[in-house]
Structures are given as C-alpha cells and as structure tokens.
Amino acid sequence: MGRTAKITRDGLLNVAEDIVRSRGGAALTIGALAEAAGVSKGGVQYSFASKDAIMRALIGRWTAQFDELLGDPPPEDPVRFVRRYIAATRASQKALNAKMAALLVSYLEDPANLRETRDWYRGVFARLSGDGPQARAARVAFLAVEGLFLMRINGLDDENSWAELLDDVEVILQTLVGTPE
C-alpha cells in the first residue's frame, strides 16, 4: 500500500498555480489538480467542491497577496493610494503572469464573481473620489495601470515594456501632482 498524501487547501492551491502557470487556466480541472497533487479527485473535492471553488480560492489568494503589497494608505490621499497601487502592481507581476490573468477572465464569467469584482472597483473609486487636480490625476493614473493589466491579459506586452510603461505612469503622475510620498 502506498503512503497517503497529506492534502491541504494551500498545498492544492500551490499545485493549481503551477498548472495555470505552465499550461494555462483551461488546463485547471479537478482531475488535473488531483493527478498533479498525487491525490484522488475526491481528495480535491474535499477541499474544493468545484473548479469554480478552486478559481475563487486562487483569486482570493492573489487578491490577499496584492492587498498585502498595497498596505493601508490613508483613505483621504488618492495620490498616495495610486502610488502604492503602482508599486504593488509592479511587485505582483512577478507572481501574476498572463496565464493567471486569463484565469481571472474565466472567473469573471460567473455573475456572482463579476459582482464581487465590480464592488472591489467601486471601493477603489470611492478612495479616488474628488474634484481636485490630485484626485483627477490619481484616477487617470489608476486607469492607466489597469489598462496595462488588460494589455498583459491579452499578451500585448513583454516584461521590459511593462516596466517602462509603469515608469511612464509614475513620471506623469509625478509631473501632475508634484513631490512623491
């Protein structure tokens, strides 16, 4: 009799990330995850009832990692928030490549997941509200960074131009609002 593999949610998510990185989001199935983790399908389903549950857990993990990178900039300072957002985006791109972003697109096909994502963006825009030039500059910089993310999802960017374009956003933000934090 072989040894029984120890199944943990985090361990399964690590394997799921490897599958997405190496083979893309479409390759992530309960069967593929079970095989790669060396456990039964039932073992995977004990932790994740469905592929959607795995995807939600991966997105939740990536969101938590991004929020940790972002930190907690003061809510009344939209420019500082966007500067931190740019820095977190830059740092997170090492972990979140285009194949993982493609998984996000699949995730958003579910109306409940789409609502959750829209609510997250509404929260960001609430932090970026205001009529002054700094709030406007912060919103435009945020939208530019999100546009770069969409480019990355669609494979329209390589690593060198990505960093250069983020640099451009930071330089323009600096020009519009002045001194960095």
C-alpha atoms as a PDB file:
ATOM      1  CA  MET A   1       0.000   0.000   0.000  1.00  0.00           C
ATOM      2  CA  GLY A   2       1.314   3.462  -0.915  1.00  0.00           C
ATOM      3  CA  ARG A   3       1.517   6.288   1.504  1.00  0.00           C
ATOM      4  CA  THR A   4      -1.428   8.632   1.772  1.00  0.00           C
ATOM      5  CA  ALA A   5      -0.669  12.142   0.556  1.00  0.00           C
ATOM      6  CA  LYS A   6      -1.401  14.915   3.022  1.00  0.00           C
ATOM      7  CA  ILE A   7      -3.993  17.176   1.443  1.00  0.00           C
ATOM      8  CA  THR A   8      -4.161  20.821   2.429  1.00  0.00           C
ATOM      9  CA  ARG A   9      -6.008  23.677   0.753  1.00  0.00           C
ATOM     10  CA  ASP A  10      -2.805  25.717   0.480  1.00  0.00           C
ATOM     11  CA  GLY A  11      -0.906  22.777  -0.951  1.00  0.00           C
ATOM     12  CA  LEU A  12      -3.610  22.205  -3.548  1.00  0.00           C
ATOM     13  CA  LEU A  13      -3.615  25.916  -4.406  1.00  0.00           C
ATOM     14  CA  ASN A  14       0.166  25.797  -4.890  1.00  0.00           C
ATOM     15  CA  VAL A  15      -0.263  22.927  -7.339  1.00  0.00           C
ATOM     16  CA  ALA A  16      -3.187  24.719  -9.036  1.00  0.00           C
ATOM     17  CA  GLU A  17      -0.980  27.795  -9.539  1.00  0.00           C
ATOM     18  CA  ASP A  18       1.691  25.601 -11.102  1.00  0.00           C
ATOM     19  CA  ILE A  19      -0.871  24.128 -13.506  1.00  0.00           C
ATOM     20  CA  VAL A  20      -2.108  27.578 -14.527  1.00  0.00           C
ATOM     21  CA  ARG A  21       1.446  28.910 -14.938  1.00  0.00           C
ATOM     22  CA  SER A  22       2.626  26.004 -17.047  1.00  0.00           C
ATOM     23  CA  ARG A  23      -0.484  25.067 -19.026  1.00  0.00           C
ATOM     24  CA  GLY A  24      -2.950  27.956 -18.711  1.00  0.00           C
ATOM     25  CA  GLY A  25      -6.289  28.422 -16.961  1.00  0.00           C
ATOM     26  CA  ALA A  26      -8.210  25.985 -19.186  1.00  0.00           C
ATOM     27  CA  ALA A  27      -5.954  23.131 -18.005  1.00  0.00           C
ATOM     28  CA  LEU A  28      -7.055  23.581 -14.398  1.00  0.00           C
ATOM     29  CA  THR A  29      -9.619  20.871 -13.681  1.00  0.00           C
ATOM     30  CA  ILE A  30     -10.341  18.810 -10.608  1.00  0.00           C
ATOM     31  CA  GLY A  31      -8.868  15.775 -12.369  1.00  0.00           C
ATOM     32  CA  ALA A  32      -5.705  17.603 -13.445  1.00  0.00           C
ATOM     33  CA  LEU A  33      -5.247  19.014  -9.958  1.00  0.00           C
ATOM     34  CA  ALA A  34      -5.757  15.601  -8.359  1.00  0.00           C
ATOM     35  CA  GLU A  35      -3.241  13.978 -10.703  1.00  0.00           C
ATOM     36  CA  ALA A  36      -0.631  16.707 -10.243  1.00  0.00           C
ATOM     37  CA  ALA A  37      -1.069  16.657  -6.446  1.00  0.00           C
ATOM     38  CA  GLY A  38      -0.954  12.867  -6.285  1.00  0.00           C
ATOM     39  CA  VAL A  39      -4.361  12.582  -4.626  1.00  0.00           C
ATOM     40  CA  SER A  40      -7.789  11.336  -5.644  1.00  0.00           C
ATOM     41  CA  LYS A  41     -10.447  13.555  -7.206  1.00  0.00           C
ATOM     42  CA  GLY A  42     -12.417  13.043  -4.009  1.00  0.00           C
ATOM     43  CA  GLY A  43      -9.457  14.365  -2.063  1.00  0.00           C
ATOM     44  CA  VAL A  44      -9.506  17.553  -4.122  1.00  0.00           C
ATOM     45  CA  GLN A  45     -13.281  17.830  -3.804  1.00  0.00           C
ATOM     46  CA  TYR A  46     -13.000  17.535  -0.037  1.00  0.00           C
ATOM     47  CA  SER A  47     -11.220  20.914  -0.110  1.00  0.00           C
ATOM     48  CA  PHE A  48     -12.845  22.393  -3.240  1.00  0.00           C
ATOM     49  CA  ALA A  49     -16.290  21.272  -4.355  1.00  0.00           C
ATOM     50  CA  SER A  50     -15.826  22.511  -7.926  1.00  0.00           C
ATOM     51  CA  LYS A  51     -13.448  24.097 -10.399  1.00  0.00           C
ATOM     52  CA  ASP A  52     -15.153  27.416  -9.642  1.00  0.00           C
ATOM     53  CA  ALA A  53     -14.308  26.970  -5.957  1.00  0.00           C
ATOM     54  CA  ILE A  54     -10.654  26.420  -6.883  1.00  0.00           C
ATOM     55  CA  MET A  55     -10.690  29.518  -9.098  1.00  0.00           C
ATOM     56  CA  ARG A  56     -12.353  31.605  -6.366  1.00  0.00           C
ATOM     57  CA  ALA A  57      -9.723  30.441  -3.871  1.00  0.00           C
ATOM     58  CA  LEU A  58      -6.874  31.295  -6.293  1.00  0.00           C
ATOM     59  CA  ILE A  59      -8.324  34.743  -6.994  1.00  0.00           C
ATOM     60  CA  GLY A  60      -8.855  35.251  -3.256  1.00  0.00           C
ATOM     61  CA  ARG A  61      -5.257  34.267  -2.579  1.00  0.00           C
ATOM     62  CA  TRP A  62      -3.897  36.606  -5.263  1.00  0.00           C
ATOM     63  CA  THR A  63      -6.138  39.443  -4.031  1.00  0.00           C
ATOM     64  CA  ALA A  64      -4.928  38.964  -0.461  1.00  0.00           C
ATOM     65  CA  GLN A  65      -1.293  38.984  -1.645  1.00  0.00           C
ATOM     66  CA  PHE A  66      -1.921  42.163  -3.649  1.00  0.00           C
ATOM     67  CA  ASP A  67      -3.689  43.849  -0.715  1.00  0.00           C
ATOM     68  CA  GLU A  68      -0.717  42.974   1.495  1.00  0.00           C
ATOM     69  CA  LEU A  69       1.635  44.604  -1.039  1.00  0.00           C
ATOM     70  CA  LEU A  70      -0.659  47.641  -1.219  1.00  0.00           C
ATOM     71  CA  GLY A  71      -0.713  48.141   2.515  1.00  0.00           C
ATOM     72  CA  ASP A  72      -3.136  50.637   4.001  1.00  0.00           C
ATOM     73  CA  PRO A  73      -2.543  54.107   2.555  1.00  0.00           C
ATOM     74  CA  PRO A  74      -4.673  56.852   4.120  1.00  0.00           C
ATOM     75  CA  PRO A  75      -8.141  56.917   2.502  1.00  0.00           C
ATOM     76  CA  GLU A  76      -8.069  60.702   2.147  1.00  0.00           C
ATOM     77  CA  ASP A  77      -4.945  60.699  -0.049  1.00  0.00           C
ATOM     78  CA  PRO A  78      -5.788  59.411  -3.564  1.00  0.00           C
ATOM     79  CA  VAL A  79      -2.339  60.165  -4.971  1.00  0.00           C
ATOM     80  CA  ARG A  80      -0.587  58.174  -2.262  1.00  0.00           C
ATOM     81  CA  PHE A  81      -3.049  55.338  -2.828  1.00  0.00           C
ATOM     82  CA  VAL A  82      -2.268  55.248  -6.565  1.00  0.00           C
ATOM     83  CA  ARG A  83       1.480  55.408  -5.964  1.00  0.00           C
ATOM     84  CA  ARG A  84       1.165  52.416  -3.643  1.00  0.00           C
ATOM     85  CA  TYR A  85      -1.103  50.722  -6.195  1.00  0.00           C
ATOM     86  CA  ILE A  86       1.548  51.157  -8.907  1.00  0.00           C
ATOM     87  CA  ALA A  87       4.242  49.772  -6.601  1.00  0.00           C
ATOM     88  CA  ALA A  88       2.036  46.804  -5.635  1.00  0.00           C
ATOM     89  CA  THR A  89       1.205  46.170  -9.299  1.00  0.00           C
ATOM     90  CA  ARG A  90       4.880  46.235 -10.207  1.00  0.00           C
ATOM     91  CA  ALA A  91       5.760  43.814  -7.399  1.00  0.00           C
ATOM     92  CA  SER A  92       2.825  41.488  -8.011  1.00  0.00           C
ATOM     93  CA  GLN A  93       3.533  40.982 -11.695  1.00  0.00           C
ATOM     94  CA  LYS A  94       6.270  38.502 -10.885  1.00  0.00           C
ATOM     95  CA  ALA A  95       3.611  36.212  -9.422  1.00  0.00           C
ATOM     96  CA  LEU A  96       0.642  37.066 -11.625  1.00  0.00           C
ATOM     97  CA  ASN A  97       1.579  36.324 -15.214  1.00  0.00           C
ATOM     98  CA  ALA A  98      -0.642  36.458 -18.294  1.00  0.00           C
ATOM     99  CA  LYS A  99      -1.803  32.851 -17.923  1.00  0.00           C
ATOM    100  CA  MET A 100      -3.047  33.562 -14.413  1.00  0.00           C
ATOM    101  CA  ALA A 101      -4.737  36.702 -15.656  1.00  0.00           C
ATOM    102  CA  ALA A 102      -6.543  34.534 -18.215  1.00  0.00           C
ATOM    103  CA  LEU A 103      -7.917  32.507 -15.307  1.00  0.00           C
ATOM    104  CA  LEU A 104      -9.303  35.778 -13.956  1.00  0.00           C
ATOM    105  CA  VAL A 105     -11.214  36.272 -17.213  1.00  0.00           C
ATOM    106  CA  SER A 106     -12.826  32.828 -16.776  1.00  0.00           C
ATOM    107  CA  TYR A 107     -13.583  33.694 -13.173  1.00  0.00           C
ATOM    108  CA  LEU A 108     -15.486  36.801 -14.245  1.00  0.00           C
ATOM    109  CA  GLU A 109     -17.862  34.763 -16.410  1.00  0.00           C
ATOM    110  CA  ASP A 110     -19.798  33.898 -13.255  1.00  0.00           C
ATOM    111  CA  PRO A 111     -22.226  36.764 -12.399  1.00  0.00           C
ATOM    112  CA  ALA A 112     -21.538  36.474  -8.650  1.00  0.00           C
ATOM    113  CA  ASN A 113     -17.789  36.761  -9.218  1.00  0.00           C
ATOM    114  CA  LEU A 114     -18.326  39.699 -11.552  1.00  0.00           C
ATOM    115  CA  ARG A 115     -20.416  41.485  -8.880  1.00  0.00           C
ATOM    116  CA  GLU A 116     -17.669  40.896  -6.310  1.00  0.00           C
ATOM    117  CA  THR A 117     -15.067  42.351  -8.680  1.00  0.00           C
ATOM    118  CA  ARG A 118     -17.266  45.348  -9.510  1.00  0.00           C
ATOM    119  CA  ASP A 119     -17.725  46.001  -5.793  1.00  0.00           C
ATOM    120  CA  TRP A 120     -13.940  45.952  -5.348  1.00  0.00           C
ATOM    121  CA  TYR A 121     -13.527  48.541  -8.115  1.00  0.00           C
ATOM    122  CA  ARG A 122     -16.308  50.692  -6.629  1.00  0.00           C
ATOM    123  CA  GLY A 123     -14.342  50.691  -3.378  1.00  0.00           C
ATOM    124  CA  VAL A 124     -11.197  51.806  -5.201  1.00  0.00           C
ATOM    125  CA  PHE A 125     -13.025  54.607  -6.999  1.00  0.00           C
ATOM    126  CA  ALA A 126     -14.555  55.734  -3.693  1.00  0.00           C
ATOM    127  CA  ARG A 127     -10.970  56.207  -2.454  1.00  0.00           C
ATOM    128  CA  LEU A 128     -10.124  58.142  -5.604  1.00  0.00           C
ATOM    129  CA  SER A 129     -13.131  60.450  -5.454  1.00  0.00           C
ATOM    130  CA  GLY A 130     -12.863  64.214  -5.508  1.00  0.00           C
ATOM    131  CA  ASP A 131     -12.911  67.110  -7.945  1.00  0.00           C
ATOM    132  CA  GLY A 132      -9.423  68.481  -7.388  1.00  0.00           C
ATOM    133  CA  PRO A 133      -6.486  68.046  -9.751  1.00  0.00           C
ATOM    134  CA  GLN A 134      -4.772  65.497  -7.489  1.00  0.00           C
ATOM    135  CA  ALA A 135      -7.838  63.252  -7.358  1.00  0.00           C
ATOM    136  CA  ARG A 136      -8.248  63.518 -11.139  1.00  0.00           C
ATOM    137  CA  ALA A 137      -4.564  62.715 -11.726  1.00  0.00           C
ATOM    138  CA  ALA A 138      -4.829  59.749  -9.348  1.00  0.00           C
ATOM    139  CA  ARG A 139      -7.871  58.383 -11.229  1.00  0.00           C
ATOM    140  CA  VAL A 140      -6.157  58.717 -14.599  1.00  0.00           C
ATOM    141  CA  ALA A 141      -3.006  57.006 -13.289  1.00  0.00           C
ATOM    142  CA  PHE A 142      -5.100  54.189 -11.811  1.00  0.00           C
ATOM    143  CA  LEU A 143      -6.918  53.706 -15.121  1.00  0.00           C
ATOM    144  CA  ALA A 144      -3.589  53.649 -16.973  1.00  0.00           C
ATOM    145  CA  VAL A 145      -2.277  50.898 -14.687  1.00  0.00           C
ATOM    146  CA  GLU A 146      -5.483  48.898 -15.148  1.00  0.00           C
ATOM    147  CA  GLY A 147      -5.122  49.351 -18.915  1.00  0.00           C
ATOM    148  CA  LEU A 148      -1.618  47.904 -18.689  1.00  0.00           C
ATOM    149  CA  PHE A 149      -3.056  44.946 -16.791  1.00  0.00           C
ATOM    150  CA  LEU A 150      -5.559  44.353 -19.613  1.00  0.00           C
ATOM    151  CA  MET A 151      -2.735  44.532 -22.137  1.00  0.00           C
ATOM    152  CA  ARG A 152      -0.946  41.876 -20.143  1.00  0.00           C
ATOM    153  CA  ILE A 153      -4.030  39.635 -20.048  1.00  0.00           C
ATOM    154  CA  ASN A 154      -4.186  39.818 -23.833  1.00  0.00           C
ATOM    155  CA  GLY A 155      -0.473  39.086 -24.250  1.00  0.00           C
ATOM    156  CA  LEU A 156       0.236  42.509 -25.761  1.00  0.00           C
ATOM    157  CA  ASP A 157       3.170  43.236 -23.525  1.00  0.00           C
ATOM    158  CA  ASP A 158       6.539  41.823 -22.645  1.00  0.00           C
ATOM    159  CA  GLU A 159       8.412  42.205 -19.363  1.00  0.00           C
ATOM    160  CA  ASN A 160      10.636  45.092 -20.476  1.00  0.00           C
ATOM    161  CA  SER A 161       7.911  47.291 -21.923  1.00  0.00           C
ATOM    162  CA  TRP A 162       5.673  46.561 -18.931  1.00  0.00           C
ATOM    163  CA  ALA A 163       8.171  48.088 -16.507  1.00  0.00           C
ATOM    164  CA  GLU A 164       8.862  51.026 -18.827  1.00  0.00           C
ATOM    165  CA  LEU A 165       5.149  51.774 -19.177  1.00  0.00           C
ATOM    166  CA  LEU A 166       4.651  51.667 -15.402  1.00  0.00           C
ATOM    167  CA  ASP A 167       7.594  54.077 -15.154  1.00  0.00           C
ATOM    168  CA  ASP A 168       5.796  56.386 -17.615  1.00  0.00           C
ATOM    169  CA  VAL A 169       2.656  56.377 -15.473  1.00  0.00           C
ATOM    170  CA  GLU A 170       4.675  57.241 -12.381  1.00  0.00           C
ATOM    171  CA  VAL A 171       6.548  60.060 -14.167  1.00  0.00           C
ATOM    172  CA  ILE A 172       3.320  61.591 -15.473  1.00  0.00           C
ATOM    173  CA  LEU A 173       1.680  61.305 -12.051  1.00  0.00           C
ATOM    174  CA  GLN A 174       4.740  62.970 -10.515  1.00  0.00           C
ATOM    175  CA  THR A 175       4.587  65.761 -13.111  1.00  0.00           C
ATOM    176  CA  LEU A 176       0.895  66.375 -12.426  1.00  0.00           C
ATOM    177  CA  VAL A 177       0.919  66.295  -8.629  1.00  0.00           C
ATOM    178  CA  GLY A 178       4.452  67.064  -7.523  1.00  0.00           C
ATOM    179  CA  THR A 179       6.533  65.515  -4.766  1.00  0.00           C
ATOM    180  CA  PRO A 180       6.364  61.747  -4.193  1.00  0.00           C
ATOM    181  CA  GLU A 181       5.303  60.420  -0.773  1.00  0.00           C
END
